[in-house]
Amino acid sequence: MPGGLIAVTLVFSAIPMLVMFSGQTLVEGIVGAITFPCWYWGPALALAVWGYVAHRTRSERSTPALDAGTPAREQLPAV
């Protein structure tokens, strides 16, 4: 999962960035944390990747395999 790897990278890069911002004044630290929101986007991306994987897994289980000898339009469920 490339998205999971990026999410982990964002989470781990947030720690040194927040430590770096702690050496500044409160306003500068808040502006820096808002400008580079790795502390927020890492967990948000991890949650999105987890939801995507769960959705794909569920849809693959519920989709029947198509027969190669029959046209696909005949195998689709009626709407």
Foldseek 3Di string as FASTA:
>chain_A
DVLLVVLVVLCVVVVVQLVVLVVDDPVSSVVSCVVRVSNPVSVVSNVVVVVVVVVVVVVVVPDDDDDPVDDVVVVDDDD
